[in-house]
Amino acid sequence: MPLSKRWRALDRSAVDAAPNRYGVVEFGADGTVRAVEAGMVRDVLKEAVAYGDHEQVRWETAQDREHATRLAAEHRDRL
């Protein structure tokens, strides 16, 4: 199941707004989920902006690394 958060453009402002916490991150284009990653949200976004592979992003924070990894796996299974 995709995250219920709104999409935002994947740019430097998204990185600045991202928390420095573990979480699950969905990348997309045209409102469709294209990839799901887990990790420190801000670090994941910095890397994505640097490589320019995605247009949109949304995220949800997690309690810790294991929780983020579990959430990401659940989201990938539902794609």
PDB file of N, CA and C in Angstrom:
ATOM      1  N   MET A   1       0.842  -1.167   0.000  1.00  0.00           N
ATOM      2  CA  MET A   1       0.000   0.000   0.000  1.00  0.00           C
ATOM      3  C   MET A   1       0.891   1.235   0.000  1.00  0.00           C
ATOM      4  N   PRO A   2       0.677   2.135  -0.944  1.00  0.00           N
ATOM      5  CA  PRO A   2       1.487   3.354  -0.995  1.00  0.00           C
ATOM      6  C   PRO A   2       1.266   4.220   0.249  1.00  0.00           C
ATOM      7  N   LEU A   3       2.205   5.076   0.506  1.00  0.00           N
ATOM      8  CA  LEU A   3       2.074   6.011   1.625  1.00  0.00           C
ATOM      9  C   LEU A   3       0.910   6.957   1.362  1.00  0.00           C
ATOM     10  N   SER A   4       0.268   7.411   2.410  1.00  0.00           N
ATOM     11  CA  SER A   4      -0.891   8.290   2.250  1.00  0.00           C
ATOM     12  C   SER A   4      -0.497   9.765   2.193  1.00  0.00           C
ATOM     13  N   LYS A   5       0.759  10.053   2.176  1.00  0.00           N
ATOM     14  CA  LYS A   5       1.248  11.429   2.117  1.00  0.00           C
ATOM     15  C   LYS A   5       1.194  11.951   0.682  1.00  0.00           C
ATOM     16  N   ARG A   6       1.182  13.267   0.563  1.00  0.00           N
ATOM     17  CA  ARG A   6       1.171  13.894  -0.762  1.00  0.00           C
ATOM     18  C   ARG A   6       2.563  13.852  -1.377  1.00  0.00           C
ATOM     19  N   TRP A   7       2.597  13.757  -2.700  1.00  0.00           N
ATOM     20  CA  TRP A   7       3.859  13.813  -3.421  1.00  0.00           C
ATOM     21  C   TRP A   7       4.403  15.233  -3.363  1.00  0.00           C
ATOM     22  N   ARG A   8       5.723  15.349  -3.397  1.00  0.00           N
ATOM     23  CA  ARG A   8       6.361  16.648  -3.557  1.00  0.00           C
ATOM     24  C   ARG A   8       7.498  16.487  -4.551  1.00  0.00           C
ATOM     25  N   ALA A   9       7.886  17.579  -5.170  1.00  0.00           N
ATOM     26  CA  ALA A   9       8.985  17.541  -6.134  1.00  0.00           C
ATOM     27  C   ALA A   9      10.261  17.115  -5.416  1.00  0.00           C
ATOM     28  N   LEU A  10      11.034  16.288  -6.080  1.00  0.00           N
ATOM     29  CA  LEU A  10      12.316  15.865  -5.512  1.00  0.00           C
ATOM     30  C   LEU A  10      13.364  16.898  -5.914  1.00  0.00           C
ATOM     31  N   ASP A  11      13.632  17.799  -5.002  1.00  0.00           N
ATOM     32  CA  ASP A  11      14.617  18.844  -5.222  1.00  0.00           C
ATOM     33  C   ASP A  11      15.276  19.198  -3.896  1.00  0.00           C
ATOM     34  N   ARG A  12      16.090  20.207  -3.920  1.00  0.00           N
ATOM     35  CA  ARG A  12      16.842  20.586  -2.722  1.00  0.00           C
ATOM     36  C   ARG A  12      15.914  20.963  -1.569  1.00  0.00           C
ATOM     37  N   SER A  13      14.758  21.560  -1.877  1.00  0.00           N
ATOM     38  CA  SER A  13      13.833  21.939  -0.801  1.00  0.00           C
ATOM     39  C   SER A  13      13.258  20.702  -0.103  1.00  0.00           C
ATOM     40  N   ALA A  14      13.102  19.616  -0.835  1.00  0.00           N
ATOM     41  CA  ALA A  14      12.641  18.365  -0.219  1.00  0.00           C
ATOM     42  C   ALA A  14      13.690  17.838   0.753  1.00  0.00           C
ATOM     43  N   VAL A  15      14.944  17.925   0.351  1.00  0.00           N
ATOM     44  CA  VAL A  15      16.038  17.490   1.233  1.00  0.00           C
ATOM     45  C   VAL A  15      16.055  18.346   2.496  1.00  0.00           C
ATOM     46  N   ASP A  16      15.899  19.648   2.327  1.00  0.00           N
ATOM     47  CA  ASP A  16      15.909  20.553   3.481  1.00  0.00           C
ATOM     48  C   ASP A  16      14.748  20.278   4.432  1.00  0.00           C
ATOM     49  N   ALA A  17      13.615  19.845   3.893  1.00  0.00           N
ATOM     50  CA  ALA A  17      12.433  19.571   4.712  1.00  0.00           C
ATOM     51  C   ALA A  17      12.448  18.179   5.344  1.00  0.00           C
ATOM     52  N   ALA A  18      13.298  17.317   4.851  1.00  0.00           N
ATOM     53  CA  ALA A  18      13.328  15.931   5.317  1.00  0.00           C
ATOM     54  C   ALA A  18      13.909  15.822   6.716  1.00  0.00           C
ATOM     55  N   PRO A  19      13.332  14.944   7.523  1.00  0.00           N
ATOM     56  CA  PRO A  19      13.875  14.746   8.866  1.00  0.00           C
ATOM     57  C   PRO A  19      15.158  13.918   8.826  1.00  0.00           C
ATOM     58  N   ASN A  20      15.965  14.101   9.819  1.00  0.00           N
ATOM     59  CA  ASN A  20      17.194  13.312   9.943  1.00  0.00           C
ATOM     60  C   ASN A  20      16.888  12.105  10.831  1.00  0.00           C
ATOM     61  N   ARG A  21      15.962  11.275  10.343  1.00  0.00           N
ATOM     62  CA  ARG A  21      15.488  10.090  11.064  1.00  0.00           C
ATOM     63  C   ARG A  21      15.360   8.948  10.070  1.00  0.00           C
ATOM     64  N   TYR A  22      15.293   7.736  10.610  1.00  0.00           N
ATOM     65  CA  TYR A  22      15.045   6.587   9.744  1.00  0.00           C
ATOM     66  C   TYR A  22      13.615   6.644   9.235  1.00  0.00           C
ATOM     67  N   GLY A  23      13.428   6.112   8.031  1.00  0.00           N
ATOM     68  CA  GLY A  23      12.094   6.076   7.473  1.00  0.00           C
ATOM     69  C   GLY A  23      12.056   5.308   6.167  1.00  0.00           C
ATOM     70  N   VAL A  24      10.863   5.274   5.586  1.00  0.00           N
ATOM     71  CA  VAL A  24      10.655   4.666   4.282  1.00  0.00           C
ATOM     72  C   VAL A  24      10.376   5.813   3.308  1.00  0.00           C
ATOM     73  N   VAL A  25      10.988   5.736   2.137  1.00  0.00           N
ATOM     74  CA  VAL A  25      10.885   6.783   1.134  1.00  0.00           C
ATOM     75  C   VAL A  25      10.356   6.172  -0.150  1.00  0.00           C
ATOM     76  N   GLU A  26       9.319   6.790  -0.712  1.00  0.00           N
ATOM     77  CA  GLU A  26       8.790   6.374  -2.011  1.00  0.00           C
ATOM     78  C   GLU A  26       9.184   7.417  -3.045  1.00  0.00           C
ATOM     79  N   PHE A  27       9.692   6.940  -4.166  1.00  0.00           N
ATOM     80  CA  PHE A  27      10.009   7.807  -5.294  1.00  0.00           C
ATOM     81  C   PHE A  27       9.013   7.518  -6.390  1.00  0.00           C
ATOM     82  N   GLY A  28       8.640   8.549  -7.138  1.00  0.00           N
ATOM     83  CA  GLY A  28       7.659   8.330  -8.180  1.00  0.00           C
ATOM     84  C   GLY A  28       7.784   9.289  -9.335  1.00  0.00           C
ATOM     85  N   ALA A  29       6.886   9.079 -10.279  1.00  0.00           N
ATOM     86  CA  ALA A  29       6.738   9.946 -11.440  1.00  0.00           C
ATOM     87  C   ALA A  29       5.268   9.905 -11.826  1.00  0.00           C
ATOM     88  N   ASP A  30       4.707  11.054 -12.105  1.00  0.00           N
ATOM     89  CA  ASP A  30       3.294  11.155 -12.483  1.00  0.00           C
ATOM     90  C   ASP A  30       2.372  10.500 -11.461  1.00  0.00           C
ATOM     91  N   GLY A  31       2.742  10.578 -10.179  1.00  0.00           N
ATOM     92  CA  GLY A  31       1.907  10.034  -9.119  1.00  0.00           C
ATOM     93  C   GLY A  31       1.954   8.532  -8.953  1.00  0.00           C
ATOM     94  N   THR A  32       2.870   7.870  -9.645  1.00  0.00           N
ATOM     95  CA  THR A  32       3.008   6.422  -9.566  1.00  0.00           C
ATOM     96  C   THR A  32       4.303   6.072  -8.848  1.00  0.00           C
ATOM     97  N   VAL A  33       4.231   5.166  -7.901  1.00  0.00           N
ATOM     98  CA  VAL A  33       5.422   4.739  -7.161  1.00  0.00           C
ATOM     99  C   VAL A  33       6.340   3.967  -8.102  1.00  0.00           C
ATOM    100  N   ARG A  34       7.595   4.388  -8.150  1.00  0.00           N
ATOM    101  CA  ARG A  34       8.598   3.732  -9.004  1.00  0.00           C
ATOM    102  C   ARG A  34       9.653   2.988  -8.191  1.00  0.00           C
ATOM    103  N   ALA A  35       9.895   3.443  -6.962  1.00  0.00           N
ATOM    104  CA  ALA A  35      10.919   2.805  -6.126  1.00  0.00           C
ATOM    105  C   ALA A  35      10.622   3.089  -4.664  1.00  0.00           C
ATOM    106  N   VAL A  36      11.052   2.182  -3.799  1.00  0.00           N
ATOM    107  CA  VAL A  36      10.885   2.330  -2.361  1.00  0.00           C
ATOM    108  C   VAL A  36      12.231   2.036  -1.708  1.00  0.00           C
ATOM    109  N   GLU A  37      12.650   2.931  -0.817  1.00  0.00           N
ATOM    110  CA  GLU A  37      13.913   2.737  -0.115  1.00  0.00           C
ATOM    111  C   GLU A  37      13.719   2.989   1.373  1.00  0.00           C
ATOM    112  N   ALA A  38      14.619   2.457   2.170  1.00  0.00           N
ATOM    113  CA  ALA A  38      14.614   2.684   3.612  1.00  0.00           C
ATOM    114  C   ALA A  38      15.980   3.210   4.009  1.00  0.00           C
ATOM    115  N   GLY A  39      16.007   4.014   5.050  1.00  0.00           N
ATOM    116  CA  GLY A  39      17.263   4.551   5.559  1.00  0.00           C
ATOM    117  C   GLY A  39      17.024   5.869   6.245  1.00  0.00           C
ATOM    118  N   MET A  40      18.095   6.606   6.466  1.00  0.00           N
ATOM    119  CA  MET A  40      17.966   7.954   7.011  1.00  0.00           C
ATOM    120  C   MET A  40      17.355   8.811   5.905  1.00  0.00           C
ATOM    121  N   VAL A  41      16.182   9.331   6.137  1.00  0.00           N
ATOM    122  CA  VAL A  41      15.406   9.995   5.081  1.00  0.00           C
ATOM    123  C   VAL A  41      16.228  11.068   4.380  1.00  0.00           C
ATOM    124  N   ARG A  42      16.839  11.945   5.126  1.00  0.00           N
ATOM    125  CA  ARG A  42      17.600  13.040   4.499  1.00  0.00           C
ATOM    126  C   ARG A  42      18.737  12.507   3.629  1.00  0.00           C
ATOM    127  N   ASP A  43      19.444  11.483   4.095  1.00  0.00           N
ATOM    128  CA  ASP A  43      20.549  10.915   3.319  1.00  0.00           C
ATOM    129  C   ASP A  43      20.049  10.257   2.039  1.00  0.00           C
ATOM    130  N   VAL A  44      18.931   9.540   2.130  1.00  0.00           N
ATOM    131  CA  VAL A  44      18.350   8.894   0.945  1.00  0.00           C
ATOM    132  C   VAL A  44      17.978   9.958  -0.089  1.00  0.00           C
ATOM    133  N   LEU A  45      17.388  11.066   0.360  1.00  0.00           N
ATOM    134  CA  LEU A  45      16.994  12.131  -0.571  1.00  0.00           C
ATOM    135  C   LEU A  45      18.198  12.839  -1.169  1.00  0.00           C
ATOM    136  N   LYS A  46      19.231  13.080  -0.370  1.00  0.00           N
ATOM    137  CA  LYS A  46      20.444  13.721  -0.900  1.00  0.00           C
ATOM    138  C   LYS A  46      21.011  12.913  -2.056  1.00  0.00           C
ATOM    139  N   GLU A  47      21.084  11.615  -1.869  1.00  0.00           N
ATOM    140  CA  GLU A  47      21.622  10.744  -2.924  1.00  0.00           C
ATOM    141  C   GLU A  47      20.728  10.767  -4.157  1.00  0.00           C
ATOM    142  N   ALA A  48      19.423  10.728  -3.954  1.00  0.00           N
ATOM    143  CA  ALA A  48      18.491  10.733  -5.080  1.00  0.00           C
ATOM    144  C   ALA A  48      18.565  12.041  -5.863  1.00  0.00           C
ATOM    145  N   VAL A  49      18.700  13.158  -5.156  1.00  0.00           N
ATOM    146  CA  VAL A  49      18.829  14.455  -5.844  1.00  0.00           C
ATOM    147  C   VAL A  49      20.126  14.488  -6.644  1.00  0.00           C
ATOM    148  N   ALA A  50      21.195  13.965  -6.071  1.00  0.00           N
ATOM    149  CA  ALA A  50      22.494  13.968  -6.746  1.00  0.00           C
ATOM    150  C   ALA A  50      22.459  13.172  -8.042  1.00  0.00           C
ATOM    151  N   TYR A  51      21.746  12.048  -8.042  1.00  0.00           N
ATOM    152  CA  TYR A  51      21.687  11.203  -9.233  1.00  0.00           C
ATOM    153  C   TYR A  51      20.554  11.578 -10.176  1.00  0.00           C
ATOM    154  N   GLY A  52      19.551  12.286  -9.693  1.00  0.00           N
ATOM    155  CA  GLY A  52      18.472  12.770 -10.553  1.00  0.00           C
ATOM    156  C   GLY A  52      17.629  11.692 -11.193  1.00  0.00           C
ATOM    157  N   ASP A  53      17.450  10.571 -10.503  1.00  0.00           N
ATOM    158  CA  ASP A  53      16.714   9.455 -11.092  1.00  0.00           C
ATOM    159  C   ASP A  53      15.200   9.542 -10.931  1.00  0.00           C
ATOM    160  N   HIS A  54      14.717  10.419 -10.057  1.00  0.00           N
ATOM    161  CA  HIS A  54      13.287  10.451  -9.744  1.00  0.00           C
ATOM    162  C   HIS A  54      12.749  11.881  -9.794  1.00  0.00           C
ATOM    163  N   GLU A  55      11.439  12.009 -10.001  1.00  0.00           N
ATOM    164  CA  GLU A  55      10.801  13.317 -10.081  1.00  0.00           C
ATOM    165  C   GLU A  55      10.097  13.705  -8.788  1.00  0.00           C
ATOM    166  N   GLN A  56       9.474  12.728  -8.116  1.00  0.00           N
ATOM    167  CA  GLN A  56       8.656  13.003  -6.948  1.00  0.00           C
ATOM    168  C   GLN A  56       9.098  12.142  -5.772  1.00  0.00           C
ATOM    169  N   VAL A  57       8.726  12.606  -4.583  1.00  0.00           N
ATOM    170  CA  VAL A  57       9.104  11.870  -3.377  1.00  0.00           C
ATOM    171  C   VAL A  57       8.049  12.084  -2.289  1.00  0.00           C
ATOM    172  N   ARG A  58       7.952  11.109  -1.405  1.00  0.00           N
ATOM    173  CA  ARG A  58       7.203  11.234  -0.160  1.00  0.00           C
ATOM    174  C   ARG A  58       7.811  10.234   0.812  1.00  0.00           C
ATOM    175  N   TRP A  59       7.649  10.503   2.103  1.00  0.00           N
ATOM    176  CA  TRP A  59       8.289   9.643   3.099  1.00  0.00           C
ATOM    177  C   TRP A  59       7.451   9.559   4.352  1.00  0.00           C
ATOM    178  N   GLU A  60       7.813   8.554   5.145  1.00  0.00           N
ATOM    179  CA  GLU A  60       7.209   8.368   6.463  1.00  0.00           C
ATOM    180  C   GLU A  60       8.331   7.953   7.402  1.00  0.00           C
ATOM    181  N   THR A  61       8.398   8.576   8.554  1.00  0.00           N
ATOM    182  CA  THR A  61       9.461   8.232   9.493  1.00  0.00           C
ATOM    183  C   THR A  61       9.137   6.924  10.215  1.00  0.00           C
ATOM    184  N   ALA A  62      10.186   6.325  10.739  1.00  0.00           N
ATOM    185  CA  ALA A  62      10.067   5.049  11.451  1.00  0.00           C
ATOM    186  C   ALA A  62      10.735   5.176  12.811  1.00  0.00           C
ATOM    187  N   GLN A  63      10.520   4.184  13.649  1.00  0.00           N
ATOM    188  CA  GLN A  63      11.085   4.199  15.002  1.00  0.00           C
ATOM    189  C   GLN A  63      12.602   3.979  14.995  1.00  0.00           C
ATOM    190  N   ASP A  64      13.055   3.098  14.097  1.00  0.00           N
ATOM    191  CA  ASP A  64      14.471   2.772  14.016  1.00  0.00           C
ATOM    192  C   ASP A  64      14.749   2.129  12.662  1.00  0.00           C
ATOM    193  N   ARG A  65      15.993   1.715  12.451  1.00  0.00           N
ATOM    194  CA  ARG A  65      16.397   1.144  11.162  1.00  0.00           C
ATOM    195  C   ARG A  65      15.599  -0.114  10.819  1.00  0.00           C
ATOM    196  N   GLU A  66      15.426  -0.999  11.780  1.00  0.00           N
ATOM    197  CA  GLU A  66      14.700  -2.243  11.518  1.00  0.00           C
ATOM    198  C   GLU A  66      13.241  -1.967  11.134  1.00  0.00           C
ATOM    199  N   HIS A  67      12.623  -1.025  11.826  1.00  0.00           N
ATOM    200  CA  HIS A  67      11.244  -0.653  11.509  1.00  0.00           C
ATOM    201  C   HIS A  67      11.162  -0.078  10.096  1.00  0.00           C
ATOM    202  N   ALA A  68      12.105   0.772   9.725  1.00  0.00           N
ATOM    203  CA  ALA A  68      12.131   1.353   8.382  1.00  0.00           C
ATOM    204  C   ALA A  68      12.299   0.271   7.321  1.00  0.00           C
ATOM    205  N   THR A  69      13.181  -0.673   7.569  1.00  0.00           N
ATOM    206  CA  THR A  69      13.412  -1.769   6.619  1.00  0.00           C
ATOM    207  C   THR A  69      12.165  -2.624   6.459  1.00  0.00           C
ATOM    208  N   ARG A  70      11.496  -2.903   7.558  1.00  0.00           N
ATOM    209  CA  ARG A  70      10.254  -3.690   7.514  1.00  0.00           C
ATOM    210  C   ARG A  70       9.151  -2.942   6.750  1.00  0.00           C
ATOM    211  N   LEU A  71       8.999  -1.647   7.015  1.00  0.00           N
ATOM    212  CA  LEU A  71       7.989  -0.862   6.297  1.00  0.00           C
ATOM    213  C   LEU A  71       8.263  -0.828   4.799  1.00  0.00           C
ATOM    214  N   ALA A  72       9.529  -0.651   4.433  1.00  0.00           N
ATOM    215  CA  ALA A  72       9.888  -0.609   3.017  1.00  0.00           C
ATOM    216  C   ALA A  72       9.581  -1.939   2.336  1.00  0.00           C
ATOM    217  N   ALA A  73       9.879  -3.042   3.004  1.00  0.00           N
ATOM    218  CA  ALA A  73       9.590  -4.364   2.428  1.00  0.00           C
ATOM    219  C   ALA A  73       8.091  -4.544   2.232  1.00  0.00           C
ATOM    220  N   GLU A  74       7.295  -4.099   3.194  1.00  0.00           N
ATOM    221  CA  GLU A  74       5.839  -4.194   3.058  1.00  0.00           C
ATOM    222  C   GLU A  74       5.339  -3.370   1.882  1.00  0.00           C
ATOM    223  N   HIS A  75       5.902  -2.183   1.698  1.00  0.00           N
ATOM    224  CA  HIS A  75       5.479  -1.332   0.583  1.00  0.00           C
ATOM    225  C   HIS A  75       5.901  -1.936  -0.761  1.00  0.00           C
ATOM    226  N   ARG A  76       7.091  -2.506  -0.816  1.00  0.00           N
ATOM    227  CA  ARG A  76       7.546  -3.129  -2.072  1.00  0.00           C
ATOM    228  C   ARG A  76       6.665  -4.315  -2.444  1.00  0.00           C
ATOM    229  N   ASP A  77       6.244  -5.097  -1.437  1.00  0.00           N
ATOM    230  CA  ASP A  77       5.404  -6.264  -1.686  1.00  0.00           C
ATOM    231  C   ASP A  77       4.052  -5.884  -2.265  1.00  0.00           C
ATOM    232  N   ARG A  78       3.600  -4.683  -1.979  1.00  0.00           N
ATOM    233  CA  ARG A  78       2.278  -4.242  -2.441  1.00  0.00           C
ATOM    234  C   ARG A  78       2.303  -3.541  -3.778  1.00  0.00           C
ATOM    235  N   LEU A  79       3.490  -3.313  -4.332  1.00  0.00           N
ATOM    236  CA  LEU A  79       3.570  -2.644  -5.644  1.00  0.00           C
ATOM    237  C   LEU A  79       3.172  -3.558  -6.765  1.00  0.00           C
TER     238      LEU A  79
END
